[in-house]
Each structure stands twice: as structure tokens, then as C-alpha cells.
Amino acid sequence: KRAKAEFRYFLQSKFGNLVRAWRRAIDPHGEFQISRQRLCQVARQLGYHGDLRVLWNAVDCDGSGYTSLEEIDFLSGQAIAQFRCWIRQVVDQTYEDRLAPVQFLDTI
């Protein structure tokens, strides 16, 4: 837990909040999960000097081989997931054939 807390603090001090860090640096393509290799690469590029093995073990909570914003910051990850679901519903109901939900989501 300490490695996760240190990494979160590092990201917050660099980006202001964890969502911004996730979207701008860790997962800029919006895949919503990243591999161990990607996390280690980004952490080093950003200047994180902690033990990456320990960090990975702390953020791959389910042992899937991938991590997500939810595993790094549960509340932020849940908020983003709920927002995406809401947006999908709004787009489906409001725009029907004029704008595909994927097109809209790609813009946010």
C-alpha cells in the first residue's frame, strides 16, 4: 500500500490530480487499462524513482497483468466509469443517428 500511496502522491504533485495524470501520461489513448511494461515505462519517463516491482504488485490488485485507474484510484475510476455510462445514455437518446456514441466519447 505504501508504494501505491507514494505513486499517487507523485502523480498528484506532477499533474494536480490522478485523473489528469491517467489521461495525459499513463493512458493517453483511452484504453482504460495498461500493462506492467507501459506503467514502468511511463513511471520512469516521468521521473518516478520508487521500486517498480513493488509498485506493480500494489496496483495490479486483481492479478490480471493489467492495471487501471480504478486500481490506482478507485473513486476516480468509478466516477469516470459512471460518467461514461451516463454519456452513452445521453448520446443514444439525444443524437440517435446524428452522432455515434463512439465518436462522441473519442472527443472527451
PDB file of N, CA and C in Angstrom:
ATOM      1  N   LYS A   1       0.816  -1.199   0.000  1.00  0.00           N
ATOM      2  CA  LYS A   1       0.000   0.000   0.000  1.00  0.00           C
ATOM      3  C   LYS A   1       0.859   1.261   0.000  1.00  0.00           C
ATOM      4  N   ARG A   2       2.004   1.192   0.613  1.00  0.00           N
ATOM      5  CA  ARG A   2       2.858   2.371   0.676  1.00  0.00           C
ATOM      6  C   ARG A   2       3.331   2.785  -0.724  1.00  0.00           C
ATOM      7  N   ALA A   3       3.705   1.805  -1.543  1.00  0.00           N
ATOM      8  CA  ALA A   3       4.169   2.112  -2.900  1.00  0.00           C
ATOM      9  C   ALA A   3       3.060   2.779  -3.702  1.00  0.00           C
ATOM     10  N   LYS A   4       1.846   2.284  -3.548  1.00  0.00           N
ATOM     11  CA  LYS A   4       0.711   2.861  -4.249  1.00  0.00           C
ATOM     12  C   LYS A   4       0.464   4.301  -3.780  1.00  0.00           C
ATOM     13  N   ALA A   5       0.519   4.519  -2.491  1.00  0.00           N
ATOM     14  CA  ALA A   5       0.318   5.862  -1.935  1.00  0.00           C
ATOM     15  C   ALA A   5       1.409   6.820  -2.407  1.00  0.00           C
ATOM     16  N   GLU A   6       2.640   6.347  -2.439  1.00  0.00           N
ATOM     17  CA  GLU A   6       3.747   7.189  -2.904  1.00  0.00           C
ATOM     18  C   GLU A   6       3.583   7.542  -4.383  1.00  0.00           C
ATOM     19  N   PHE A   7       3.184   6.566  -5.184  1.00  0.00           N
ATOM     20  CA  PHE A   7       2.991   6.812  -6.608  1.00  0.00           C
ATOM     21  C   PHE A   7       1.838   7.787  -6.836  1.00  0.00           C
ATOM     22  N   ARG A   8       0.769   7.600  -6.096  1.00  0.00           N
ATOM     23  CA  ARG A   8      -0.369   8.521  -6.201  1.00  0.00           C
ATOM     24  C   ARG A   8       0.060   9.942  -5.845  1.00  0.00           C
ATOM     25  N   TYR A   9       0.814  10.082  -4.781  1.00  0.00           N
ATOM     26  CA  TYR A   9       1.303  11.405  -4.366  1.00  0.00           C
ATOM     27  C   TYR A   9       2.196  12.002  -5.463  1.00  0.00           C
ATOM     28  N   PHE A  10       3.075  11.183  -6.009  1.00  0.00           N
ATOM     29  CA  PHE A  10       3.960  11.611  -7.084  1.00  0.00           C
ATOM     30  C   PHE A  10       3.145  12.144  -8.271  1.00  0.00           C
ATOM     31  N   LEU A  11       2.136  11.384  -8.690  1.00  0.00           N
ATOM     32  CA  LEU A  11       1.305  11.788  -9.823  1.00  0.00           C
ATOM     33  C   LEU A  11       0.517  13.062  -9.518  1.00  0.00           C
ATOM     34  N   GLN A  12      -0.031  13.142  -8.321  1.00  0.00           N
ATOM     35  CA  GLN A  12      -0.802  14.325  -7.945  1.00  0.00           C
ATOM     36  C   GLN A  12       0.074  15.572  -7.918  1.00  0.00           C
ATOM     37  N   SER A  13       1.288  15.428  -7.432  1.00  0.00           N
ATOM     38  CA  SER A  13       2.166  16.595  -7.377  1.00  0.00           C
ATOM     39  C   SER A  13       2.608  17.026  -8.777  1.00  0.00           C
ATOM     40  N   LYS A  14       2.675  16.086  -9.697  1.00  0.00           N
ATOM     41  CA  LYS A  14       3.110  16.388 -11.059  1.00  0.00           C
ATOM     42  C   LYS A  14       1.966  16.898 -11.948  1.00  0.00           C
ATOM     43  N   PHE A  15       0.766  16.368 -11.749  1.00  0.00           N
ATOM     44  CA  PHE A  15      -0.361  16.674 -12.638  1.00  0.00           C
ATOM     45  C   PHE A  15      -1.533  17.387 -11.967  1.00  0.00           C
ATOM     46  N   GLY A  16      -1.529  17.494 -10.674  1.00  0.00           N
ATOM     47  CA  GLY A  16      -2.626  18.148  -9.972  1.00  0.00           C
ATOM     48  C   GLY A  16      -3.684  17.188  -9.472  1.00  0.00           C
ATOM     49  N   ASN A  17      -3.958  16.145 -10.235  1.00  0.00           N
ATOM     50  CA  ASN A  17      -4.891  15.100  -9.790  1.00  0.00           C
ATOM     51  C   ASN A  17      -4.624  13.814 -10.574  1.00  0.00           C
ATOM     52  N   LEU A  18      -5.187  12.734 -10.088  1.00  0.00           N
ATOM     53  CA  LEU A  18      -4.891  11.422 -10.670  1.00  0.00           C
ATOM     54  C   LEU A  18      -5.578  11.192 -12.012  1.00  0.00           C
ATOM     55  N   VAL A  19      -6.743  11.761 -12.191  1.00  0.00           N
ATOM     56  CA  VAL A  19      -7.431  11.600 -13.479  1.00  0.00           C
ATOM     57  C   VAL A  19      -6.618  12.260 -14.583  1.00  0.00           C
ATOM     58  N   ARG A  20      -6.134  13.457 -14.332  1.00  0.00           N
ATOM     59  CA  ARG A  20      -5.315  14.159 -15.328  1.00  0.00           C
ATOM     60  C   ARG A  20      -4.038  13.360 -15.618  1.00  0.00           C
ATOM     61  N   ALA A  21      -3.421  12.831 -14.599  1.00  0.00           N
ATOM     62  CA  ALA A  21      -2.209  12.028 -14.786  1.00  0.00           C
ATOM     63  C   ALA A  21      -2.517  10.798 -15.633  1.00  0.00           C
ATOM     64  N   TRP A  22      -3.624  10.144 -15.334  1.00  0.00           N
ATOM     65  CA  TRP A  22      -4.005   8.946 -16.083  1.00  0.00           C
ATOM     66  C   TRP A  22      -4.265   9.281 -17.543  1.00  0.00           C
ATOM     67  N   ARG A  23      -5.067  10.321 -17.786  1.00  0.00           N
ATOM     68  CA  ARG A  23      -5.466  10.658 -19.149  1.00  0.00           C
ATOM     69  C   ARG A  23      -4.322  11.242 -19.979  1.00  0.00           C
ATOM     70  N   ARG A  24      -3.473  12.043 -19.366  1.00  0.00           N
ATOM     71  CA  ARG A  24      -2.416  12.715 -20.137  1.00  0.00           C
ATOM     72  C   ARG A  24      -1.142  11.889 -20.281  1.00  0.00           C
ATOM     73  N   ALA A  25      -0.775  11.163 -19.250  1.00  0.00           N
ATOM     74  CA  ALA A  25       0.524  10.495 -19.278  1.00  0.00           C
ATOM     75  C   ALA A  25       0.437   8.972 -19.321  1.00  0.00           C
ATOM     76  N   ILE A  26      -0.399   8.406 -18.504  1.00  0.00           N
ATOM     77  CA  ILE A  26      -0.397   6.946 -18.368  1.00  0.00           C
ATOM     78  C   ILE A  26      -1.196   6.269 -19.477  1.00  0.00           C
ATOM     79  N   ASP A  27      -2.380   6.767 -19.757  1.00  0.00           N
ATOM     80  CA  ASP A  27      -3.256   6.149 -20.755  1.00  0.00           C
ATOM     81  C   ASP A  27      -3.815   7.203 -21.709  1.00  0.00           C
ATOM     82  N   PRO A  28      -2.953   7.862 -22.467  1.00  0.00           N
ATOM     83  CA  PRO A  28      -3.421   8.948 -23.334  1.00  0.00           C
ATOM     84  C   PRO A  28      -4.322   8.492 -24.489  1.00  0.00           C
ATOM     85  N   HIS A  29      -4.311   7.211 -24.804  1.00  0.00           N
ATOM     86  CA  HIS A  29      -5.132   6.701 -25.906  1.00  0.00           C
ATOM     87  C   HIS A  29      -6.481   6.177 -25.437  1.00  0.00           C
ATOM     88  N   GLY A  30      -6.743   6.257 -24.142  1.00  0.00           N
ATOM     89  CA  GLY A  30      -8.050   5.882 -23.608  1.00  0.00           C
ATOM     90  C   GLY A  30      -8.379   4.413 -23.663  1.00  0.00           C
ATOM     91  N   GLU A  31      -7.404   3.573 -23.432  1.00  0.00           N
ATOM     92  CA  GLU A  31      -7.656   2.131 -23.452  1.00  0.00           C
ATOM     93  C   GLU A  31      -8.211   1.625 -22.119  1.00  0.00           C
ATOM     94  N   PHE A  32      -8.121   2.437 -21.084  1.00  0.00           N
ATOM     95  CA  PHE A  32      -8.662   2.169 -19.750  1.00  0.00           C
ATOM     96  C   PHE A  32      -7.975   1.057 -18.982  1.00  0.00           C
ATOM     97  N   GLN A  33      -6.901   0.558 -19.519  1.00  0.00           N
ATOM     98  CA  GLN A  33      -6.034  -0.360 -18.780  1.00  0.00           C
ATOM     99  C   GLN A  33      -4.659  -0.337 -19.425  1.00  0.00           C
ATOM    100  N   ILE A  34      -3.648  -0.596 -18.623  1.00  0.00           N
ATOM    101  CA  ILE A  34      -2.289  -0.610 -19.159  1.00  0.00           C
ATOM    102  C   ILE A  34      -1.541  -1.811 -18.605  1.00  0.00           C
ATOM    103  N   SER A  35      -0.518  -2.198 -19.335  1.00  0.00           N
ATOM    104  CA  SER A  35       0.310  -3.344 -18.949  1.00  0.00           C
ATOM    105  C   SER A  35       1.388  -2.911 -17.958  1.00  0.00           C
ATOM    106  N   ARG A  36       2.023  -3.887 -17.397  1.00  0.00           N
ATOM    107  CA  ARG A  36       3.147  -3.618 -16.490  1.00  0.00           C
ATOM    108  C   ARG A  36       4.254  -2.855 -17.218  1.00  0.00           C
ATOM    109  N   GLN A  37       4.552  -3.291 -18.421  1.00  0.00           N
ATOM    110  CA  GLN A  37       5.604  -2.646 -19.202  1.00  0.00           C
ATOM    111  C   GLN A  37       5.292  -1.169 -19.423  1.00  0.00           C
ATOM    112  N   ARG A  38       4.054  -0.864 -19.776  1.00  0.00           N
ATOM    113  CA  ARG A  38       3.662   0.530 -20.021  1.00  0.00           C
ATOM    114  C   ARG A  38       3.757   1.357 -18.738  1.00  0.00           C
ATOM    115  N   LEU A  39       3.271   0.808 -17.631  1.00  0.00           N
ATOM    116  CA  LEU A  39       3.328   1.554 -16.377  1.00  0.00           C
ATOM    117  C   LEU A  39       4.770   1.850 -15.987  1.00  0.00           C
ATOM    118  N   CYS A  40       5.627   0.864 -16.089  1.00  0.00           N
ATOM    119  CA  CYS A  40       7.036   1.056 -15.736  1.00  0.00           C
ATOM    120  C   CYS A  40       7.696   2.087 -16.647  1.00  0.00           C
ATOM    121  N   GLN A  41       7.405   2.008 -17.935  1.00  0.00           N
ATOM    122  CA  GLN A  41       7.965   2.953 -18.902  1.00  0.00           C
ATOM    123  C   GLN A  41       7.532   4.382 -18.572  1.00  0.00           C
ATOM    124  N   VAL A  42       6.253   4.586 -18.338  1.00  0.00           N
ATOM    125  CA  VAL A  42       5.735   5.918 -18.044  1.00  0.00           C
ATOM    126  C   VAL A  42       6.276   6.428 -16.715  1.00  0.00           C
ATOM    127  N   ALA A  43       6.301   5.566 -15.715  1.00  0.00           N
ATOM    128  CA  ALA A  43       6.794   5.986 -14.398  1.00  0.00           C
ATOM    129  C   ALA A  43       8.228   6.491 -14.487  1.00  0.00           C
ATOM    130  N   ARG A  44       9.066   5.786 -15.206  1.00  0.00           N
ATOM    131  CA  ARG A  44      10.462   6.205 -15.362  1.00  0.00           C
ATOM    132  C   ARG A  44      10.572   7.491 -16.182  1.00  0.00           C
ATOM    133  N   GLN A  45       9.799   7.592 -17.244  1.00  0.00           N
ATOM    134  CA  GLN A  45       9.816   8.804 -18.067  1.00  0.00           C
ATOM    135  C   GLN A  45       9.398  10.028 -17.259  1.00  0.00           C
ATOM    136  N   LEU A  46       8.484   9.836 -16.335  1.00  0.00           N
ATOM    137  CA  LEU A  46       8.005  10.942 -15.507  1.00  0.00           C
ATOM    138  C   LEU A  46       8.959  11.274 -14.366  1.00  0.00           C
ATOM    139  N   GLY A  47       9.928  10.392 -14.125  1.00  0.00           N
ATOM    140  CA  GLY A  47      10.900  10.647 -13.070  1.00  0.00           C
ATOM    141  C   GLY A  47      10.598   9.975 -11.743  1.00  0.00           C
ATOM    142  N   TYR A  48       9.727   8.983 -11.760  1.00  0.00           N
ATOM    143  CA  TYR A  48       9.426   8.241 -10.528  1.00  0.00           C
ATOM    144  C   TYR A  48      10.604   7.330 -10.208  1.00  0.00           C
ATOM    145  N   HIS A  49      11.063   7.375  -8.967  1.00  0.00           N
ATOM    146  CA  HIS A  49      12.257   6.612  -8.587  1.00  0.00           C
ATOM    147  C   HIS A  49      11.980   5.466  -7.616  1.00  0.00           C
ATOM    148  N   GLY A  50      10.719   5.160  -7.395  1.00  0.00           N
ATOM    149  CA  GLY A  50      10.370   4.068  -6.494  1.00  0.00           C
ATOM    150  C   GLY A  50      10.636   2.706  -7.111  1.00  0.00           C
ATOM    151  N   ASP A  51      10.464   1.673  -6.319  1.00  0.00           N
ATOM    152  CA  ASP A  51      10.648   0.290  -6.757  1.00  0.00           C
ATOM    153  C   ASP A  51       9.462  -0.112  -7.635  1.00  0.00           C
ATOM    154  N   LEU A  52       9.698  -0.304  -8.912  1.00  0.00           N
ATOM    155  CA  LEU A  52       8.616  -0.581  -9.857  1.00  0.00           C
ATOM    156  C   LEU A  52       7.984  -1.951  -9.639  1.00  0.00           C
ATOM    157  N   ARG A  53       8.751  -2.906  -9.189  1.00  0.00           N
ATOM    158  CA  ARG A  53       8.196  -4.238  -8.914  1.00  0.00           C
ATOM    159  C   ARG A  53       7.178  -4.152  -7.778  1.00  0.00           C
ATOM    160  N   VAL A  54       7.545  -3.454  -6.733  1.00  0.00           N
ATOM    161  CA  VAL A  54       6.646  -3.288  -5.592  1.00  0.00           C
ATOM    162  C   VAL A  54       5.417  -2.471  -6.011  1.00  0.00           C
ATOM    163  N   LEU A  55       5.645  -1.427  -6.797  1.00  0.00           N
ATOM    164  CA  LEU A  55       4.528  -0.614  -7.280  1.00  0.00           C
ATOM    165  C   LEU A  55       3.555  -1.465  -8.084  1.00  0.00           C
ATOM    166  N   TRP A  56       4.091  -2.257  -9.007  1.00  0.00           N
ATOM    167  CA  TRP A  56       3.218  -3.082  -9.838  1.00  0.00           C
ATOM    168  C   TRP A  56       2.378  -4.025  -8.986  1.00  0.00           C
ATOM    169  N   ASN A  57       2.994  -4.654  -8.023  1.00  0.00           N
ATOM    170  CA  ASN A  57       2.250  -5.564  -7.156  1.00  0.00           C
ATOM    171  C   ASN A  57       1.145  -4.834  -6.394  1.00  0.00           C
ATOM    172  N   ALA A  58       1.359  -3.563  -6.116  1.00  0.00           N
ATOM    173  CA  ALA A  58       0.367  -2.779  -5.384  1.00  0.00           C
ATOM    174  C   ALA A  58      -0.783  -2.314  -6.279  1.00  0.00           C
ATOM    175  N   VAL A  59      -0.525  -2.110  -7.565  1.00  0.00           N
ATOM    176  CA  VAL A  59      -1.573  -1.561  -8.436  1.00  0.00           C
ATOM    177  C   VAL A  59      -2.238  -2.596  -9.345  1.00  0.00           C
ATOM    178  N   ASP A  60      -1.696  -3.789  -9.430  1.00  0.00           N
ATOM    179  CA  ASP A  60      -2.380  -4.864 -10.162  1.00  0.00           C
ATOM    180  C   ASP A  60      -3.150  -5.694  -9.140  1.00  0.00           C
ATOM    181  N   CYS A  61      -4.180  -5.089  -8.588  1.00  0.00           N
ATOM    182  CA  CYS A  61      -4.915  -5.666  -7.461  1.00  0.00           C
ATOM    183  C   CYS A  61      -5.547  -7.016  -7.762  1.00  0.00           C
ATOM    184  N   ASP A  62      -6.016  -7.191  -8.986  1.00  0.00           N
ATOM    185  CA  ASP A  62      -6.701  -8.431  -9.324  1.00  0.00           C
ATOM    186  C   ASP A  62      -5.795  -9.470  -9.979  1.00  0.00           C
ATOM    187  N   GLY A  63      -4.513  -9.136 -10.148  1.00  0.00           N
ATOM    188  CA  GLY A  63      -3.569 -10.083 -10.726  1.00  0.00           C
ATOM    189  C   GLY A  63      -3.808 -10.367 -12.195  1.00  0.00           C
ATOM    190  N   SER A  64      -4.465  -9.444 -12.895  1.00  0.00           N
ATOM    191  CA  SER A  64      -4.816  -9.652 -14.295  1.00  0.00           C
ATOM    192  C   SER A  64      -3.650  -9.436 -15.260  1.00  0.00           C
ATOM    193  N   GLY A  65      -2.589  -8.792 -14.783  1.00  0.00           N
ATOM    194  CA  GLY A  65      -1.487  -8.441 -15.674  1.00  0.00           C
ATOM    195  C   GLY A  65      -1.657  -7.055 -16.268  1.00  0.00           C
ATOM    196  N   TYR A  66      -2.739  -6.407 -15.894  1.00  0.00           N
ATOM    197  CA  TYR A  66      -3.022  -5.040 -16.315  1.00  0.00           C
ATOM    198  C   TYR A  66      -3.467  -4.250 -15.085  1.00  0.00           C
ATOM    199  N   THR A  67      -3.354  -2.942 -15.191  1.00  0.00           N
ATOM    200  CA  THR A  67      -3.904  -2.097 -14.142  1.00  0.00           C
ATOM    201  C   THR A  67      -4.751  -1.027 -14.791  1.00  0.00           C
ATOM    202  N   SER A  68      -5.556  -0.378 -13.975  1.00  0.00           N
ATOM    203  CA  SER A  68      -6.484   0.632 -14.470  1.00  0.00           C
ATOM    204  C   SER A  68      -6.525   1.790 -13.486  1.00  0.00           C
ATOM    205  N   LEU A  69      -7.193   2.847 -13.893  1.00  0.00           N
ATOM    206  CA  LEU A  69      -7.367   3.976 -12.983  1.00  0.00           C
ATOM    207  C   LEU A  69      -8.083   3.522 -11.719  1.00  0.00           C
ATOM    208  N   GLU A  70      -9.046   2.638 -11.856  1.00  0.00           N
ATOM    209  CA  GLU A  70      -9.773   2.136 -10.682  1.00  0.00           C
ATOM    210  C   GLU A  70      -8.848   1.438  -9.689  1.00  0.00           C
ATOM    211  N   GLU A  71      -7.839   0.751 -10.187  1.00  0.00           N
ATOM    212  CA  GLU A  71      -6.922   0.058  -9.281  1.00  0.00           C
ATOM    213  C   GLU A  71      -5.929   1.020  -8.636  1.00  0.00           C
ATOM    214  N   ILE A  72      -5.680   2.137  -9.292  1.00  0.00           N
ATOM    215  CA  ILE A  72      -4.784   3.140  -8.717  1.00  0.00           C
ATOM    216  C   ILE A  72      -5.569   4.095  -7.828  1.00  0.00           C
ATOM    217  N   ASP A  73      -6.749   4.495  -8.276  1.00  0.00           N
ATOM    218  CA  ASP A  73      -7.609   5.409  -7.513  1.00  0.00           C
ATOM    219  C   ASP A  73      -9.055   4.997  -7.751  1.00  0.00           C
ATOM    220  N   PHE A  74      -9.572   4.186  -6.851  1.00  0.00           N
ATOM    221  CA  PHE A  74     -10.891   3.577  -7.027  1.00  0.00           C
ATOM    222  C   PHE A  74     -11.988   4.610  -7.259  1.00  0.00           C
ATOM    223  N   LEU A  75     -12.051   5.633  -6.427  1.00  0.00           N
ATOM    224  CA  LEU A  75     -13.129   6.615  -6.534  1.00  0.00           C
ATOM    225  C   LEU A  75     -13.096   7.366  -7.864  1.00  0.00           C
ATOM    226  N   SER A  76     -11.922   7.772  -8.291  1.00  0.00           N
ATOM    227  CA  SER A  76     -11.811   8.457  -9.582  1.00  0.00           C
ATOM    228  C   SER A  76     -12.182   7.527 -10.730  1.00  0.00           C
ATOM    229  N   GLY A  77     -11.715   6.302 -10.661  1.00  0.00           N
ATOM    230  CA  GLY A  77     -12.037   5.325 -11.697  1.00  0.00           C
ATOM    231  C   GLY A  77     -13.527   5.064 -11.789  1.00  0.00           C
ATOM    232  N   GLN A  78     -14.178   4.946 -10.634  1.00  0.00           N
ATOM    233  CA  GLN A  78     -15.623   4.744 -10.616  1.00  0.00           C
ATOM    234  C   GLN A  78     -16.363   5.956 -11.165  1.00  0.00           C
ATOM    235  N   ALA A  79     -15.908   7.151 -10.808  1.00  0.00           N
ATOM    236  CA  ALA A  79     -16.550   8.375 -11.302  1.00  0.00           C
ATOM    237  C   ALA A  79     -16.452   8.463 -12.819  1.00  0.00           C
ATOM    238  N   ILE A  80     -15.300   8.156 -13.361  1.00  0.00           N
ATOM    239  CA  ILE A  80     -15.119   8.188 -14.816  1.00  0.00           C
ATOM    240  C   ILE A  80     -15.999   7.133 -15.483  1.00  0.00           C
ATOM    241  N   ALA A  81     -16.052   5.943 -14.918  1.00  0.00           N
ATOM    242  CA  ALA A  81     -16.882   4.873 -15.486  1.00  0.00           C
ATOM    243  C   ALA A  81     -18.363   5.261 -15.475  1.00  0.00           C
ATOM    244  N   GLN A  82     -18.825   5.844 -14.382  1.00  0.00           N
ATOM    245  CA  GLN A  82     -20.220   6.270 -14.306  1.00  0.00           C
ATOM    246  C   GLN A  82     -20.505   7.390 -15.304  1.00  0.00           C
ATOM    247  N   PHE A  83     -19.567   8.317 -15.440  1.00  0.00           N
ATOM    248  CA  PHE A  83     -19.740   9.405 -16.390  1.00  0.00           C
ATOM    249  C   PHE A  83     -19.836   8.867 -17.810  1.00  0.00           C
ATOM    250  N   ARG A  84     -18.978   7.926 -18.152  1.00  0.00           N
ATOM    251  CA  ARG A  84     -19.010   7.342 -19.495  1.00  0.00           C
ATOM    252  C   ARG A  84     -20.342   6.639 -19.755  1.00  0.00           C
ATOM    253  N   CYS A  85     -20.862   5.926 -18.774  1.00  0.00           N
ATOM    254  CA  CYS A  85     -22.167   5.262 -18.930  1.00  0.00           C
ATOM    255  C   CYS A  85     -23.270   6.296 -19.137  1.00  0.00           C
ATOM    256  N   TRP A  86     -23.241   7.356 -18.357  1.00  0.00           N
ATOM    257  CA  TRP A  86     -24.239   8.408 -18.479  1.00  0.00           C
ATOM    258  C   TRP A  86     -24.169   9.054 -19.858  1.00  0.00           C
ATOM    259  N   ILE A  87     -22.965   9.372 -20.298  1.00  0.00           N
ATOM    260  CA  ILE A  87     -22.787   9.991 -21.615  1.00  0.00           C
ATOM    261  C   ILE A  87     -23.320   9.072 -22.706  1.00  0.00           C
ATOM    262  N   ARG A  88     -23.050   7.795 -22.596  1.00  0.00           N
ATOM    263  CA  ARG A  88     -23.555   6.852 -23.608  1.00  0.00           C
ATOM    264  C   ARG A  88     -25.078   6.900 -23.666  1.00  0.00           C
ATOM    265  N   GLN A  89     -25.707   6.942 -22.506  1.00  0.00           N
ATOM    266  CA  GLN A  89     -27.167   7.005 -22.469  1.00  0.00           C
ATOM    267  C   GLN A  89     -27.672   8.303 -23.088  1.00  0.00           C
ATOM    268  N   VAL A  90     -27.069   9.422 -22.755  1.00  0.00           N
ATOM    269  CA  VAL A  90     -27.477  10.722 -23.282  1.00  0.00           C
ATOM    270  C   VAL A  90     -27.301  10.757 -24.792  1.00  0.00           C
ATOM    271  N   VAL A  91     -26.169  10.303 -25.262  1.00  0.00           N
ATOM    272  CA  VAL A  91     -25.907  10.312 -26.704  1.00  0.00           C
ATOM    273  C   VAL A  91     -26.894   9.403 -27.419  1.00  0.00           C
ATOM    274  N   ASP A  92     -27.127   8.225 -26.886  1.00  0.00           N
ATOM    275  CA  ASP A  92     -28.065   7.299 -27.522  1.00  0.00           C
ATOM    276  C   ASP A  92     -29.460   7.907 -27.613  1.00  0.00           C
ATOM    277  N   GLN A  93     -29.905   8.597 -26.564  1.00  0.00           N
ATOM    278  CA  GLN A  93     -31.255   9.150 -26.529  1.00  0.00           C
ATOM    279  C   GLN A  93     -31.374  10.463 -27.294  1.00  0.00           C
ATOM    280  N   THR A  94     -30.347  11.259 -27.296  1.00  0.00           N
ATOM    281  CA  THR A  94     -30.422  12.605 -27.849  1.00  0.00           C
ATOM    282  C   THR A  94     -30.050  12.671 -29.316  1.00  0.00           C
ATOM    283  N   TYR A  95     -28.984  12.009 -29.687  1.00  0.00           N
ATOM    284  CA  TYR A  95     -28.445  12.206 -31.032  1.00  0.00           C
ATOM    285  C   TYR A  95     -28.794  11.105 -32.026  1.00  0.00           C
ATOM    286  N   GLU A  96     -29.250  10.006 -31.540  1.00  0.00           N
ATOM    287  CA  GLU A  96     -29.618   8.868 -32.355  1.00  0.00           C
ATOM    288  C   GLU A  96     -28.661   8.670 -33.529  1.00  0.00           C
ATOM    289  N   ASP A  97     -29.067   9.020 -34.735  1.00  0.00           N
ATOM    290  CA  ASP A  97     -28.249   8.745 -35.918  1.00  0.00           C
ATOM    291  C   ASP A  97     -27.262   9.855 -36.261  1.00  0.00           C
ATOM    292  N   ARG A  98     -27.353  10.996 -35.593  1.00  0.00           N
ATOM    293  CA  ARG A  98     -26.515  12.129 -35.967  1.00  0.00           C
ATOM    294  C   ARG A  98     -25.080  12.021 -35.460  1.00  0.00           C
ATOM    295  N   LEU A  99     -24.873  11.364 -34.342  1.00  0.00           N
ATOM    296  CA  LEU A  99     -23.536  11.256 -33.764  1.00  0.00           C
ATOM    297  C   LEU A  99     -23.410   9.910 -33.076  1.00  0.00           C
ATOM    298  N   ALA A 100     -22.482   9.120 -33.533  1.00  0.00           N
ATOM    299  CA  ALA A 100     -22.271   7.814 -32.916  1.00  0.00           C
ATOM    300  C   ALA A 100     -21.657   8.000 -31.531  1.00  0.00           C
ATOM    301  N   PRO A 101     -22.090   7.224 -30.530  1.00  0.00           N
ATOM    302  CA  PRO A 101     -21.522   7.354 -29.183  1.00  0.00           C
ATOM    303  C   PRO A 101     -20.010   7.234 -29.165  1.00  0.00           C
ATOM    304  N   VAL A 102     -19.483   6.381 -29.988  1.00  0.00           N
ATOM    305  CA  VAL A 102     -18.016   6.204 -30.021  1.00  0.00           C
ATOM    306  C   VAL A 102     -17.353   7.495 -30.476  1.00  0.00           C
ATOM    307  N   GLN A 103     -17.925   8.146 -31.463  1.00  0.00           N
ATOM    308  CA  GLN A 103     -17.364   9.413 -31.941  1.00  0.00           C
ATOM    309  C   GLN A 103     -17.385  10.450 -30.830  1.00  0.00           C
ATOM    310  N   PHE A 104     -18.492  10.524 -30.113  1.00  0.00           N
ATOM    311  CA  PHE A 104     -18.587  11.494 -29.021  1.00  0.00           C
ATOM    312  C   PHE A 104     -17.588  11.168 -27.923  1.00  0.00           C
ATOM    313  N   LEU A 105     -17.519   9.907 -27.518  1.00  0.00           N
ATOM    314  CA  LEU A 105     -16.612   9.512 -26.434  1.00  0.00           C
ATOM    315  C   LEU A 105     -15.163   9.722 -26.803  1.00  0.00           C
ATOM    316  N   ASP A 106     -14.846   9.578 -28.077  1.00  0.00           N
ATOM    317  CA  ASP A 106     -13.474   9.813 -28.506  1.00  0.00           C
ATOM    318  C   ASP A 106     -13.076  11.273 -28.360  1.00  0.00           C
ATOM    319  N   THR A 107     -14.038  12.161 -28.337  1.00  0.00           N
ATOM    320  CA  THR A 107     -13.717  13.584 -28.230  1.00  0.00           C
ATOM    321  C   THR A 107     -13.537  14.040 -26.792  1.00  0.00           C
ATOM    322  N   ILE A 108     -13.971  13.224 -25.825  1.00  0.00           N
ATOM    323  CA  ILE A 108     -13.825  13.643 -24.420  1.00  0.00           C
ATOM    324  C   ILE A 108     -12.699  12.944 -23.723  1.00  0.00           C
TER     325      ILE A 108
END
